[in-house]
């Protein structure tokens, strides 16, 4: 019977989930995939029950397909205590000190692991995606916010308190735009996809998404060109700090802003190159896994958890 792990990636809007084939210490292909609404407006307890119900349904689907579910991985946003399996705080899904790992193990009767969505997605990009083959990978998703996953020899380093990688809150423009964290001039307040759209809208007097700004900048529209260049400059400054701290061999840029492709990456490489002094310049490339990264990361942490338990028995 083919062994499989259950993987769930919980977002504010949707829950992406899958059954992924596993063989020893390696993942194989996705054998089954689903997507469900999170229903965050119903509150944390309802979201928890939705997650557990979906996981239970996936286990039943696996068995109906002749597969053997051997473990589960769940990744969620917010502040996550991965060691103890607790979702400490996640505003957009209503979690506060929720022992999700224990709840999932109780419901499924299987070993489970809890992870952070960005770090898990970074783990997948490093081991299965654009960073494959490199030992030192910095994955930087740029979407509504900006974060990073520092992956060394296939493991994410999340810091003493699980808050490592918050590159979006490096101050790159002191006294600059206010950030949701309470500081001013954070990288996220200038170069996130939401910030790009907001800055253009303020200057142009009409609403626009970051995708539109990238397109207008490529067409030479003056306001878009200026906003896009400010974005590139801020990102280059932020990545330079990341290089100084982590010395990655490769930087993998993902998230919604990376959909701009070389319109983002080409000037970003030039900006980083112009700033480099003694640093070794890393490869800068686009993420390869898209919105599957979080779910594949959930599968990886499930598999890693099984291997760890096997090694300690």
Protein backbone atom coordinates (compact mmCIF):
# COMPACT_ATOMS: atom_id res chain seq x y z
CA UNK A 1 0.00 0.00 0.00
CA UNK A 2 1.40 3.40 -1.00
CA UNK A 3 2.18 5.62 1.98
CA UNK A 4 0.99 9.20 1.91
CA UNK A 5 1.12 12.29 4.10
CA UNK A 6 -1.79 14.67 4.59
CA UNK A 7 -0.85 18.31 3.93
CA UNK A 8 -2.89 21.42 4.76
CA UNK A 9 -1.98 25.05 4.07
CA UNK A 10 -4.39 27.41 5.84
CA UNK A 11 -4.73 30.96 4.55
CA UNK A 12 -7.07 33.77 5.44
CA UNK A 13 -9.26 33.00 2.43
CA UNK A 14 -8.62 29.39 1.39
CA UNK A 15 -7.29 26.10 2.72
CA UNK A 16 -5.15 24.28 0.16
CA UNK A 17 -4.66 20.62 0.93
CA UNK A 18 -3.24 17.48 -0.61
CA UNK A 19 -2.28 13.86 -0.26
CA UNK A 20 1.40 13.49 -1.16
CA UNK A 21 3.08 10.17 -1.71
CA UNK A 22 5.99 9.41 0.63
CA UNK A 23 8.73 6.81 0.49
CA UNK A 24 11.20 6.78 3.33
CA UNK A 25 12.72 10.25 3.54
CA UNK A 26 11.43 11.48 0.16
CA UNK A 27 8.20 12.90 -1.18
CA UNK A 28 6.78 11.81 -4.49
CA UNK A 29 3.96 13.25 -6.56
CA UNK A 30 0.79 14.90 -5.30
CA UNK A 31 -1.81 12.13 -5.47
CA UNK A 32 -4.88 14.18 -4.64
CA UNK A 33 -5.54 17.91 -4.12
CA UNK A 34 -8.43 19.98 -2.80
CA UNK A 35 -9.21 23.59 -1.96
CA UNK A 36 -11.77 24.77 0.59
CA UNK A 37 -12.88 28.19 1.86
CA UNK A 38 -11.41 29.07 5.27
CA UNK A 39 -14.50 30.91 6.45
CA UNK A 40 -12.44 33.06 8.80
CA UNK A 41 -15.40 35.37 9.39
CA UNK A 42 -17.00 32.56 11.44
CA UNK A 43 -14.31 32.84 14.11
CA UNK A 44 -11.40 30.73 15.32
CA UNK A 45 -13.31 27.75 16.76
CA UNK A 46 -15.22 27.27 13.50
CA UNK A 47 -11.99 27.45 11.47
CA UNK A 48 -10.39 24.86 13.75
CA UNK A 49 -13.30 22.48 13.24
CA UNK A 50 -13.11 23.06 9.47
CA UNK A 51 -9.40 22.19 9.44
CA UNK A 52 -9.93 19.02 11.48
CA UNK A 53 -12.91 17.97 9.36
CA UNK A 54 -10.97 18.48 6.12
CA UNK A 55 -8.02 16.50 7.49
CA UNK A 56 -10.33 13.67 8.52
CA UNK A 57 -11.90 13.70 5.06
CA UNK A 58 -8.48 13.53 3.42
CA UNK A 59 -7.55 10.52 5.53
CA UNK A 60 -10.76 8.79 4.43
CA UNK A 61 -10.09 9.70 0.78
CA UNK A 62 -6.58 8.24 1.05
CA UNK A 63 -7.88 4.94 2.36
CA UNK A 64 -10.60 4.83 -0.28
CA UNK A 65 -7.88 5.21 -2.93
CA UNK A 66 -5.85 2.37 -1.45
CA UNK A 67 -3.33 4.71 0.15
CA UNK A 68 -1.97 4.52 3.70
CA UNK A 69 -1.95 7.89 5.52
CA UNK A 70 1.07 7.89 7.87
CA UNK A 71 1.23 11.48 9.08
CA UNK A 72 -0.04 15.03 8.66
CA UNK A 73 1.44 18.48 8.27
CA UNK A 74 -0.46 21.71 8.89
CA UNK A 75 0.85 25.21 8.20
CA UNK A 76 -0.87 28.41 9.28
CA UNK A 77 -0.04 32.13 9.32
CA UNK A 78 0.79 34.22 12.38
CA UNK A 79 3.02 33.53 15.38
CA UNK A 80 3.64 29.79 15.61
CA UNK A 81 5.32 27.76 18.36
CA UNK A 82 6.46 24.91 16.15
CA UNK A 83 8.22 23.02 18.96
CA UNK A 84 5.06 22.70 21.04
CA UNK A 85 2.64 22.68 18.09
CA UNK A 86 0.72 25.78 19.14
CA UNK A 87 -0.73 28.57 16.99
CA UNK A 88 0.08 31.39 19.39
CA UNK A 89 -1.63 34.17 17.49
CA UNK A 90 -3.07 34.60 14.00
CA UNK A 91 -5.39 37.56 13.58
CA UNK A 92 -6.67 36.73 10.11
CA UNK A 93 -7.94 33.29 11.11
CA UNK A 94 -8.84 34.02 14.73
CA UNK A 95 -6.30 31.78 16.51
CA UNK A 96 -4.96 32.46 20.00
CA UNK A 97 -2.93 29.79 21.81
CA UNK A 98 -4.51 26.90 19.89
CA UNK A 99 -2.77 23.49 20.29
CA UNK A 100 -3.37 22.57 16.67
CA UNK A 101 -0.81 19.78 16.51
CA UNK A 102 -2.37 17.91 19.44
CA UNK A 103 -5.89 18.47 18.10
CA UNK A 104 -4.91 17.12 14.69
CA UNK A 105 -3.19 14.06 16.17
CA UNK A 106 -6.23 13.35 18.34
CA UNK A 107 -8.64 13.62 15.40
CA UNK A 108 -6.56 11.55 12.95
CA UNK A 109 -4.75 9.14 15.23
CA UNK A 110 -1.58 9.95 13.29
CA UNK A 111 1.64 11.87 14.04
CA UNK A 112 1.23 15.53 13.06
CA UNK A 113 3.44 18.59 12.72
CA UNK A 114 2.52 22.29 12.84
CA UNK A 115 4.46 24.92 10.91
CA UNK A 116 4.46 28.53 9.78
CA UNK A 117 3.12 29.07 6.27
CA UNK A 118 5.98 31.27 5.00
CA UNK A 119 8.72 29.12 6.50
CA UNK A 120 7.11 25.95 5.17
CA UNK A 121 6.76 27.48 1.70
CA UNK A 122 10.40 28.52 1.88
CA UNK A 123 11.40 25.01 2.91
CA UNK A 124 9.61 23.62 -0.15
CA UNK A 125 11.24 26.12 -2.50
CA UNK A 126 14.67 25.30 -1.06
CA UNK A 127 14.33 21.53 -1.18
CA UNK A 128 11.98 20.96 -4.11
CA UNK A 129 11.83 24.21 -6.08
CA UNK A 130 14.12 26.98 -7.27
CA UNK A 131 16.63 26.51 -4.46
CA UNK A 132 17.10 22.77 -5.00
CA UNK A 133 20.77 21.84 -5.03
CA UNK A 134 21.86 24.76 -2.84
CA UNK A 135 22.77 24.47 0.84
CA UNK A 136 22.19 28.13 1.76
CA UNK A 137 18.88 29.48 0.46
CA UNK A 138 17.02 32.66 1.38
CA UNK A 139 13.40 32.57 0.19
CA UNK A 140 11.65 35.95 0.13
CA UNK A 141 7.92 35.96 -0.66
CA UNK A 142 6.64 39.45 -1.53
CA UNK A 143 2.89 39.72 -1.33
CA UNK A 144 0.58 41.63 1.01
CA UNK A 145 3.58 41.58 3.34
CA UNK A 146 7.24 40.60 3.04
CA UNK A 147 8.89 37.79 4.97
CA UNK A 148 11.80 35.40 4.49
CA UNK A 149 12.82 31.83 5.21
CA UNK A 150 16.51 31.15 5.84
CA UNK A 151 17.08 27.52 4.82
CA UNK A 152 20.45 25.94 5.63
CA UNK A 153 21.19 22.35 4.57
CA UNK A 154 17.47 21.78 4.04
CA UNK A 155 16.32 23.10 7.43
CA UNK A 156 14.63 26.42 8.21
CA UNK A 157 16.18 28.49 11.00
CA UNK A 158 13.34 30.32 12.71
CA UNK A 159 15.12 31.88 15.70
CA UNK A 160 14.79 31.59 19.46
CA UNK A 161 11.16 32.74 19.49
CA UNK A 162 9.93 31.56 16.10
CA UNK A 163 10.15 35.07 14.65
CA UNK A 164 13.24 34.71 12.48
CA UNK A 165 13.09 35.91 8.90
CA UNK A 166 10.98 39.03 9.41
CA UNK A 167 12.93 40.82 6.70
CA UNK A 168 9.89 42.93 5.88
CA UNK A 169 10.44 44.82 9.11
CA UNK A 170 14.00 45.90 8.43
CA UNK A 171 13.87 49.70 8.36
CA UNK A 172 15.16 50.76 4.96
CA UNK A 173 13.78 54.32 4.93
CA UNK A 174 13.96 55.87 8.43
CA UNK A 175 10.96 58.10 9.01
CA UNK A 176 9.25 56.67 5.93
CA UNK A 177 5.69 55.37 5.51
CA UNK A 178 3.99 53.91 8.60
CA UNK A 179 4.05 50.14 8.83
CA UNK A 180 1.46 47.88 10.40
CA UNK A 181 4.07 46.77 12.94
CA UNK A 182 4.19 50.28 14.44
CA UNK A 183 7.51 51.37 12.92
CA UNK A 184 8.04 53.70 9.98
CA UNK A 185 10.00 53.00 6.80
CA UNK A 186 9.99 49.20 7.01
CA UNK A 187 10.73 47.35 3.77
CA UNK A 188 7.16 46.00 3.82
CA UNK A 189 5.69 49.51 3.99
CA UNK A 190 7.40 50.42 0.71
CA UNK A 191 7.98 47.29 -1.37
CA UNK A 192 5.17 44.85 -0.58
CA UNK A 193 2.60 44.37 -3.33
CA UNK A 194 -0.01 46.18 -1.26
CA UNK A 195 2.36 49.10 -0.63
CA UNK A 196 3.22 49.41 -4.33
CA UNK A 197 -0.45 49.65 -5.25
CA UNK A 198 -1.15 52.08 -2.43
CA UNK A 199 1.74 54.43 -3.26
CA UNK A 200 0.77 54.57 -6.92
CA UNK A 201 -2.88 55.18 -6.04
CA UNK A 202 -1.95 58.06 -3.73
CA UNK A 203 0.15 59.76 -6.41
CA UNK A 204 -2.01 59.01 -9.46
CA UNK A 205 -5.36 59.61 -7.81
CA UNK A 206 -6.79 56.26 -8.87
CA UNK A 207 -6.71 52.74 -7.53
CA UNK A 208 -4.21 50.26 -9.00
CA UNK A 209 -2.74 46.89 -8.11
CA UNK A 210 0.98 46.16 -8.02
CA UNK A 211 0.52 44.09 -11.17
CA UNK A 212 -0.90 47.13 -12.96
CA UNK A 213 1.92 49.33 -11.68
CA UNK A 214 4.50 46.88 -13.06
CA UNK A 215 2.76 46.88 -16.44
CA UNK A 216 2.45 50.67 -16.54
CA UNK A 217 6.09 51.06 -15.54
CA UNK A 218 7.11 48.80 -18.43
CA UNK A 219 5.06 51.05 -20.72
CA UNK A 220 6.88 54.12 -19.41
CA UNK A 221 4.03 55.78 -17.48
CA UNK A 222 5.94 58.35 -15.32
CA UNK A 223 4.28 57.82 -11.93
CA UNK A 224 4.48 54.03 -12.28
CA UNK A 225 8.14 54.23 -13.33
CA UNK A 226 8.95 56.29 -10.22
CA UNK A 227 7.02 54.01 -7.85
CA UNK A 228 8.54 50.87 -9.39
CA UNK A 229 12.07 52.28 -9.09
CA UNK A 230 11.46 53.18 -5.43
CA UNK A 231 10.30 49.61 -4.92
CA UNK A 232 13.39 48.13 -6.57
CA UNK A 233 15.70 50.40 -4.56
CA UNK A 234 14.04 49.46 -1.26
CA UNK A 235 14.14 45.75 -2.10
CA UNK A 236 17.81 45.94 -3.07
CA UNK A 237 18.60 47.62 0.26
CA UNK A 238 16.61 44.97 2.12
CA UNK A 239 18.24 42.08 0.30
CA UNK A 240 21.67 43.55 0.99
CA UNK A 241 20.89 43.35 4.71
CA UNK A 242 19.69 39.78 4.20
CA UNK A 243 22.96 38.96 2.45
CA UNK A 244 24.98 40.44 5.30
CA UNK A 245 23.05 38.43 7.88
CA UNK A 246 22.61 35.09 6.11
CA UNK A 247 25.17 34.94 3.26
CA UNK A 248 22.89 32.89 0.97
CA UNK A 249 24.09 31.18 -2.18
CA UNK A 250 20.74 31.90 -3.80
CA UNK A 251 17.85 34.27 -3.09
CA UNK A 252 14.48 32.97 -4.29
CA UNK A 253 11.90 35.73 -4.75
CA UNK A 254 8.26 34.65 -4.65
CA UNK A 255 4.81 35.96 -3.88
CA UNK A 256 2.53 38.13 -5.95
CA UNK A 257 5.14 40.74 -6.83
CA UNK A 258 7.36 38.07 -8.38
CA UNK A 259 4.65 37.54 -10.99
CA UNK A 260 6.22 40.56 -12.70
CA UNK A 261 9.11 38.22 -13.62
CA UNK A 262 12.16 39.86 -15.14
CA UNK A 263 10.51 43.31 -14.89
CA UNK A 264 11.23 42.89 -11.19
CA UNK A 265 14.22 40.56 -11.12
CA UNK A 266 16.45 42.18 -13.77
CA UNK A 267 16.56 45.66 -12.16
CA UNK A 268 16.68 44.05 -8.70
CA UNK A 269 19.81 42.10 -9.66
CA UNK A 270 21.33 45.32 -11.00
CA UNK A 271 20.42 47.17 -7.80
CA UNK A 272 21.96 44.51 -5.59
CA UNK A 273 25.08 44.32 -7.77
CA UNK A 274 25.56 48.09 -7.52
CA UNK A 275 25.42 47.91 -3.71
CA UNK A 276 27.70 44.91 -3.15
CA UNK A 277 31.08 45.63 -1.60
CA UNK A 278 32.68 42.67 0.19
CA UNK A 279 29.65 40.36 0.02
CA UNK A 280 29.61 37.38 -2.30
CA UNK A 281 26.77 38.08 -4.69
CA UNK A 282 24.10 35.37 -4.67
CA UNK A 283 22.01 34.13 -7.54
CA UNK A 284 18.64 35.93 -7.53
CA UNK A 285 15.83 33.96 -9.13
CA UNK A 286 12.09 33.56 -9.17
CA UNK A 287 10.25 30.97 -7.07
CA UNK A 288 9.20 27.86 -8.95
CA UNK A 289 6.36 26.33 -6.95
CA UNK A 290 3.79 29.13 -6.95
CA UNK A 291 0.88 28.75 -4.56
CA UNK A 292 1.65 25.03 -4.13
CA UNK A 293 4.71 25.87 -2.00
CA UNK A 294 2.86 26.06 1.32
CA UNK A 295 1.08 22.76 0.82
CA UNK A 296 4.28 21.00 -0.26
CA UNK A 297 6.00 22.55 2.76
CA UNK A 298 3.29 21.08 4.98
CA UNK A 299 4.00 17.68 3.44
CA UNK A 300 7.72 18.12 4.09
CA UNK A 301 7.29 18.98 7.77
CA UNK A 302 4.98 15.97 8.13
CA UNK A 303 7.66 13.73 6.61
CA UNK A 304 10.45 15.30 8.67
CA UNK A 305 8.39 14.75 11.81
CA UNK A 306 7.95 11.07 10.95
CA UNK A 307 11.69 10.68 10.35
CA UNK A 308 12.52 12.39 13.65
CA UNK A 309 10.08 10.19 15.57
CA UNK A 310 11.53 7.12 13.86
CA UNK A 311 15.06 8.17 14.80
CA UNK A 312 14.11 8.67 18.44
CA UNK A 313 12.23 5.42 18.92
